[in-house]
Protein backbone atom coordinates (compact mmCIF):
# COMPACT_ATOMS: atom_id res chain seq x y z
CA MET A 1 5.21 2.10 20.64
CA PRO A 2 7.51 -0.84 19.80
CA ALA A 3 6.74 -2.83 16.69
CA ALA A 4 5.06 -6.17 17.30
CA PRO A 5 7.17 -9.28 16.59
CA PHE A 6 6.41 -11.03 13.32
CA LEU A 7 5.14 -14.55 12.96
CA VAL A 8 5.60 -16.42 9.73
CA ALA A 9 2.89 -17.63 7.36
CA ALA A 10 4.32 -18.97 4.11
CA ALA A 11 2.01 -18.91 1.10
CA VAL A 12 2.64 -21.64 -1.43
CA GLY A 13 0.99 -21.56 -4.83
CA GLY A 14 -2.52 -20.14 -4.37
CA ASN A 15 -3.69 -19.01 -0.94
CA GLN A 16 -2.41 -21.82 1.30
CA THR A 17 -0.73 -20.73 4.49
CA SER A 18 1.18 -22.50 7.22
CA GLN A 19 2.05 -21.06 10.59
CA GLY A 20 5.64 -20.88 11.74
CA PRO A 21 7.67 -19.60 14.66
CA ALA A 22 8.34 -16.01 15.58
CA GLU A 23 10.97 -14.35 13.41
CA THR A 24 14.08 -12.92 15.05
CA THR A 25 17.00 -11.18 13.35
CA THR A 26 20.25 -9.60 14.42
CA ALA A 27 21.25 -6.08 13.38
CA ALA A 28 23.75 -7.50 10.89
CA GLU A 29 21.12 -9.77 9.41
CA ARG A 30 18.71 -6.86 9.07
CA GLN A 31 21.29 -4.94 7.05
CA GLY A 32 21.80 -7.74 4.56
CA GLU A 33 18.79 -10.00 4.96
CA ASN A 34 17.03 -11.38 1.93
CA ARG A 35 18.67 -9.10 -0.62
CA ASP A 36 17.53 -11.66 -3.19
CA ARG A 37 13.90 -10.84 -2.34
CA ASP A 38 11.74 -7.79 -2.79
CA GLU A 39 9.34 -6.92 -0.01
CA ILE A 40 6.11 -4.98 0.51
CA ASP A 41 4.97 -4.19 4.06
CA TYR A 42 1.38 -3.06 4.55
CA VAL A 43 1.92 -1.30 7.86
CA ASP A 44 -0.80 -1.28 10.51
CA VAL A 45 -1.46 2.47 10.70
CA GLY A 46 -5.04 2.08 11.90
CA GLN A 47 -7.56 3.82 9.67
CA GLY A 48 -5.41 4.82 6.71
CA ASP A 49 -2.83 3.53 4.23
CA GLY A 50 0.88 3.11 4.89
CA VAL A 51 3.06 0.87 2.74
CA VAL A 52 6.83 0.41 2.87
CA ILE A 53 8.39 -1.21 -0.18
CA ARG A 54 11.94 -2.46 -0.75
CA ILE A 55 12.71 -3.13 -4.39
CA GLY A 56 16.25 -3.85 -5.53
CA GLY A 57 17.73 -2.19 -2.46
CA GLN A 58 15.71 1.03 -2.81
CA LEU A 59 13.14 2.17 -0.24
CA ILE A 60 9.78 3.48 -1.41
CA VAL A 61 7.04 4.57 0.99
CA SER A 62 3.61 4.61 -0.61
CA ASP A 63 1.53 6.68 1.80
CA ALA A 64 2.34 6.71 5.51
CA GLY A 65 -1.01 7.05 7.31
CA GLN A 66 -1.70 9.43 10.16
CA HIS A 67 -1.56 7.07 13.16
CA ASN A 68 1.11 4.72 14.54
CA VAL A 69 4.01 6.46 12.82
CA GLU A 70 6.31 4.44 15.09
CA ALA A 71 5.40 1.31 13.14
CA VAL A 72 6.32 2.99 9.85
CA ASP A 73 9.64 4.12 11.32
CA ALA A 74 10.34 0.63 12.72
CA THR A 75 9.61 -1.00 9.36
CA LEU A 76 11.97 1.37 7.58
CA GLN A 77 14.71 0.71 10.11
CA ARG A 78 14.27 -3.05 9.88
CA LEU A 79 14.73 -2.88 6.13
CA GLY A 80 18.19 -1.43 6.64
CA ALA A 81 17.55 2.13 5.54
CA SER A 82 20.13 4.67 6.73
CA LYS A 83 17.48 7.31 7.42
CA VAL A 84 16.98 7.81 3.67
CA ILE A 85 13.75 7.16 1.78
CA ASP A 86 14.44 7.06 -1.95
CA VAL A 87 10.86 7.75 -3.06
CA ALA A 88 7.73 8.80 -1.19
CA ILE A 89 4.47 8.38 -3.08
CA LEU A 90 1.75 10.68 -1.71
CA SER A 91 -1.37 9.21 -3.25
CA HIS A 92 -3.62 12.19 -2.54
CA PRO A 93 -4.01 15.02 0.01
CA HIS A 94 -5.96 13.27 2.78
CA SER A 95 -4.40 13.07 6.23
CA ASP A 96 -5.05 9.35 6.71
CA HIS A 97 -2.67 8.75 3.81
CA VAL A 98 0.04 11.40 4.16
CA LYS A 99 0.16 13.11 7.57
CA ASN A 100 2.83 10.78 8.99
CA PHE A 101 5.33 11.95 6.37
CA LEU A 102 5.55 15.17 8.36
CA ALA A 103 6.54 13.27 11.50
CA LEU A 104 9.02 11.11 9.59
CA VAL A 105 11.01 14.12 8.35
CA ASP A 106 10.55 16.46 11.32
CA ASP A 107 10.58 14.10 14.32
CA PHE A 108 12.23 10.87 13.18
CA GLY A 109 14.99 12.40 11.07
CA TRP A 110 14.25 10.75 7.72
CA THR A 111 15.41 12.32 4.47
CA ILE A 112 13.20 11.87 1.41
CA LYS A 113 14.92 12.22 -1.93
CA THR A 114 11.94 12.24 -4.29
CA VAL A 115 8.26 12.90 -3.62
CA VAL A 116 5.71 11.68 -6.16
CA LEU A 117 2.22 13.22 -6.18
CA SER A 118 -0.50 14.47 -8.49
CA HIS A 119 -1.78 18.00 -8.98
CA SER A 120 -4.59 18.90 -6.58
CA ASP A 121 -5.70 22.25 -5.21
CA TRP A 122 -6.30 20.47 -1.89
CA TRP A 123 -2.56 20.31 -1.24
CA GLN A 124 -3.04 23.95 -0.22
CA GLY A 125 -6.48 23.37 1.29
CA THR A 126 -5.58 22.46 4.91
CA VAL A 127 -2.98 23.52 7.41
CA THR A 128 -1.64 19.96 7.56
CA ASN A 129 -1.23 19.72 3.80
CA LYS A 130 0.44 23.13 3.50
CA THR A 131 2.80 22.33 6.37
CA LEU A 132 3.68 18.97 4.86
CA ILE A 133 4.51 20.32 1.40
CA ASP A 134 6.56 23.15 2.92
CA ALA A 135 8.45 20.71 5.16
CA LEU A 136 9.26 18.37 2.29
CA ARG A 137 10.65 21.23 0.25
CA GLN A 138 12.62 22.60 3.22
CA HIS A 139 14.16 19.18 3.78
CA GLY A 140 15.36 19.13 0.17
CA ALA A 141 12.92 16.67 -1.39
CA ARG A 142 12.36 16.90 -5.14
CA LEU A 143 8.64 17.05 -5.94
CA VAL A 144 7.59 15.16 -9.08
CA TYR A 145 4.01 15.57 -10.31
CA VAL A 146 2.87 12.55 -12.31
CA ASN A 147 0.18 11.66 -14.84
CA ALA A 148 -1.20 8.50 -16.38
CA GLY A 149 1.15 6.81 -18.82
CA GLN A 150 4.43 7.62 -17.11
CA HIS A 151 6.84 4.83 -16.17
CA PHE A 152 9.55 4.81 -13.53
CA GLY A 153 12.28 2.25 -12.77
CA TRP A 154 12.85 2.63 -9.04
CA GLY A 155 14.80 -0.34 -7.70
CA GLY A 156 14.66 -2.09 -11.06
CA GLY A 157 10.88 -2.54 -10.95
CA ASP A 158 8.45 -1.22 -13.55
CA TRP A 159 6.17 1.39 -11.96
CA GLU A 160 3.42 2.60 -14.27
CA ILE A 161 1.06 5.46 -13.42
CA LEU A 162 -2.49 4.53 -14.43
CA SER A 163 -4.30 7.65 -13.16
CA PRO A 164 -4.91 10.56 -13.06
CA PRO A 165 -4.73 11.76 -16.66
CA ALA A 166 -3.09 15.16 -17.09
CA ASP A 167 -5.12 18.16 -15.93
CA THR A 168 -7.92 16.12 -14.34
CA TYR A 169 -9.36 15.92 -10.82
CA THR A 170 -7.40 18.96 -9.68
CA ARG A 171 -10.23 20.85 -7.95
CA VAL A 172 -10.69 20.93 -4.18
CA GLY A 173 -13.66 18.57 -4.16
CA GLN A 174 -11.85 15.99 -6.30
CA ALA A 175 -9.00 15.11 -3.96
CA ALA A 176 -9.90 11.41 -3.68
CA ASN A 177 -10.14 11.00 -7.45
CA SER A 178 -6.77 12.73 -7.82
CA SER A 179 -5.17 9.65 -6.23
CA VAL A 180 -1.99 8.42 -7.86
CA VAL A 181 -3.04 5.00 -9.13
CA TYR A 182 -0.15 2.80 -10.17
CA VAL A 183 0.90 -0.75 -10.89
CA LEU A 184 4.26 -2.16 -9.78
CA ARG A 185 5.69 -5.10 -11.71
CA THR A 186 8.65 -6.97 -10.29
CA ARG A 187 9.92 -10.57 -10.53
CA GLY A 188 6.89 -11.58 -12.57
CA ASP A 189 4.37 -10.32 -10.00
CA THR A 190 1.98 -7.39 -10.27
CA PHE A 191 0.83 -5.10 -7.45
CA LEU A 192 -1.98 -2.54 -7.72
CA PHE A 193 -2.47 0.61 -5.64
CA THR A 194 -5.59 2.73 -6.19
CA GLY A 195 -5.77 5.21 -3.29
CA ASP A 196 -9.31 6.47 -2.67
CA ILE A 197 -10.62 6.67 -6.25
CA GLY A 198 -14.37 6.55 -6.87
CA LYS A 199 -16.37 4.27 -9.14
CA SER A 200 -16.03 6.30 -12.36
CA VAL A 201 -12.24 6.57 -12.07
CA ALA A 202 -12.03 2.88 -11.18
CA GLY A 203 -13.87 2.14 -14.42
CA ARG A 204 -11.30 4.08 -16.44
CA VAL A 205 -8.44 2.32 -14.62
CA ALA A 206 -10.06 -1.05 -15.37
CA GLN A 207 -10.35 -0.14 -19.05
CA ARG A 208 -6.70 0.87 -19.19
CA TRP A 209 -5.66 -2.31 -17.39
CA SER A 210 -7.53 -4.44 -19.92
CA SER A 211 -6.37 -2.50 -22.97
CA GLU A 212 -2.74 -2.84 -21.85
CA GLN A 213 -3.26 -6.53 -21.06
CA LEU A 214 -1.60 -6.17 -17.68
CA GLY A 215 -2.76 -9.61 -16.58
CA ARG A 216 -3.63 -10.79 -13.10
CA ALA A 217 -2.77 -8.69 -10.05
CA THR A 218 -0.90 -10.61 -7.38
CA ILE A 219 -1.91 -8.20 -4.59
CA PHE A 220 -4.50 -5.43 -4.66
CA LEU A 221 -4.51 -2.80 -1.91
CA ALA A 222 -8.29 -2.49 -1.58
CA THR A 223 -9.57 0.89 -2.69
CA HIS A 224 -10.44 3.44 0.03
CA HIS A 225 -10.01 1.03 2.96
CA GLY A 226 -12.87 -1.15 1.74
CA SER A 227 -15.42 1.63 1.24
CA ALA A 228 -18.81 0.79 -0.30
CA ALA A 229 -17.89 2.56 -3.55
CA GLY A 230 -14.42 1.03 -3.80
CA SER A 231 -13.07 -2.28 -5.10
CA THR A 232 -15.71 -2.30 -7.83
CA ASP A 233 -16.75 -5.33 -9.86
CA GLU A 234 -15.29 -3.68 -12.95
CA ILE A 235 -11.81 -3.31 -11.49
CA LEU A 236 -11.89 -6.76 -9.91
CA GLU A 237 -12.95 -8.36 -13.18
CA ALA A 238 -10.14 -6.60 -15.03
CA THR A 239 -7.36 -7.28 -12.49
CA GLN A 240 -8.44 -10.65 -11.00
CA PRO A 241 -6.30 -10.27 -7.87
CA LYS A 242 -5.14 -13.30 -5.90
CA TRP A 243 -4.98 -11.38 -2.64
CA ALA A 244 -6.31 -8.09 -1.34
CA VAL A 245 -5.19 -6.07 1.66
CA LEU A 246 -7.71 -4.00 3.64
CA SER A 247 -5.75 -1.25 5.36
CA THR A 248 -8.18 -0.05 8.00
CA GLY A 249 -8.85 0.39 11.69
CA ARG A 250 -11.55 1.72 13.99
CA ASN A 251 -13.42 4.45 12.12
CA ALA A 252 -16.73 6.29 11.81
CA TYR A 253 -17.13 5.63 8.07
CA GLY A 254 -18.24 2.01 8.06
CA HIS A 255 -15.00 0.72 6.54
CA PRO A 256 -14.74 -1.98 5.45
CA SER A 257 -18.17 -2.05 3.88
CA PRO A 258 -20.12 -5.33 3.59
CA ASP A 259 -20.66 -4.52 -0.11
CA ALA A 260 -16.93 -4.25 -0.84
CA ILE A 261 -16.18 -7.39 1.15
CA MET A 262 -18.89 -9.30 -0.72
CA ARG A 263 -17.46 -8.24 -4.08
CA LEU A 264 -13.96 -9.36 -3.08
CA GLU A 265 -15.26 -12.69 -1.83
CA GLN A 266 -17.38 -13.26 -4.95
CA HIS A 267 -14.23 -12.74 -7.04
CA SER A 268 -12.39 -15.36 -4.94
CA VAL A 269 -9.88 -12.88 -3.54
CA SER A 270 -8.29 -13.87 -0.24
CA ILE A 271 -8.33 -10.86 2.10
CA TRP A 272 -5.73 -9.74 4.62
CA CYS A 273 -6.86 -7.00 7.03
CA THR A 274 -4.43 -4.86 9.02
CA ASN A 275 -6.97 -4.62 11.85
CA ALA A 276 -6.96 -8.40 12.18
CA ASN A 277 -3.48 -9.31 10.95
CA GLY A 278 -1.48 -6.28 12.07
CA THR A 279 1.37 -5.24 9.81
CA ILE A 280 1.40 -7.57 6.81
CA ARG A 281 4.64 -8.41 5.03
CA ALA A 282 4.73 -9.87 1.52
CA ARG A 283 8.13 -11.07 0.33
CA ILE A 284 8.71 -11.82 -3.34
CA GLY A 285 11.36 -14.38 -4.21
CA ASN A 286 13.37 -14.67 -7.40
CA THR A 287 10.79 -16.98 -8.91
CA GLY A 288 7.94 -14.63 -7.99
CA LYS A 289 6.59 -16.78 -5.15
CA VAL A 290 5.05 -14.62 -2.44
CA SER A 291 5.57 -15.55 1.21
CA TRP A 292 3.58 -13.87 3.94
CA GLN A 293 4.28 -12.77 7.51
CA ALA A 294 2.10 -10.81 9.91
CA SER A 295 2.55 -9.26 13.33
CA ARG A 296 -0.71 -10.79 14.59
CA GLN A 297 -3.06 -13.30 12.99
CA GLN A 298 -1.20 -15.56 10.57
CA VAL A 299 -3.89 -16.50 8.08
CA PRO A 300 -5.86 -14.18 5.80
CA TRP A 301 -8.93 -12.69 7.45
CA TRP A 302 -10.96 -14.24 4.62
CA SER A 303 -9.59 -17.25 2.77
CA ALA A 304 -10.80 -17.93 -0.75
CA THR A 305 -9.53 -21.49 -0.40
CA ALA A 306 -11.38 -22.24 2.83
CA GLY A 307 -14.31 -19.92 2.07
CA ARG A 308 -14.41 -18.50 5.58
CA GLU A 309 -13.35 -15.58 7.77
CA THR A 310 -10.93 -15.93 10.68
CA GLY A 311 -10.84 -13.38 13.46
CA SER A 312 -12.33 -9.89 13.31
CA CYS A 313 -11.76 -7.01 10.89
CA VAL A 314 -13.03 -3.78 12.47
CA GLY A 315 -15.74 -5.60 14.36
CA ARG A 316 -16.87 -7.79 11.48
């Protein structure tokens, strides 16, 4: 499936957006485009998470979903990658977050240098998970198991692991809470990724965020696709995000939940939704200003400025 063309919506200051023309680039431009800007693409992988990040010329894929792998591949190619992913972050062993990594290495010919994950018995709990871990090792990836408190400098950014603490949430029934929660800081902006953590873990992450005085989150990838137990008041109060992204599609779980949406709206967080907006691209300039592009709808699904929804997010 070919990737949809992008339209431009530039965000200035708070949550203002303006629509622009379709974006077109040549192959040469794709190789060298916007090297003075970092970029985070929240790929439309349907129900699941898939994020492609370019920081300082390095490519990091933070989950890859289980549907629409062609869109993940197309995003990587557009960013100029020569079939090499520097870092793959596997948040936790659920297929809607990690299954597409198998297709990327086996079917699309991508090489992954480093794989970041947390300890969980569920990595050996399904055929898909076992096959994925075996394939990553066979393709030469280095597996790095992380814990809260570690920092990494991929691409010149500051990546801090906020959860899980060492030797926690490792049992089969704790796979969601084993999610690698991290904050990325680059060019004065802050980006939060929380996987599928539950309310109690979110509380601990919020406490850590406050104790470290990490400030306001620029973009928050909404916890667990907007589930009822995710995106809690506690974590929203601690992080005060400007924008949230709901990465979701048609599903049988009720995502996104009205409760989670209400909490985001009450905290004045403008919401982008991959089901409404398609693949969502956030570019970060030298001054930290974020500009937005999307492959479909060009304004956030819910605007904190306008106080209204535009379009439909999984039927809502």
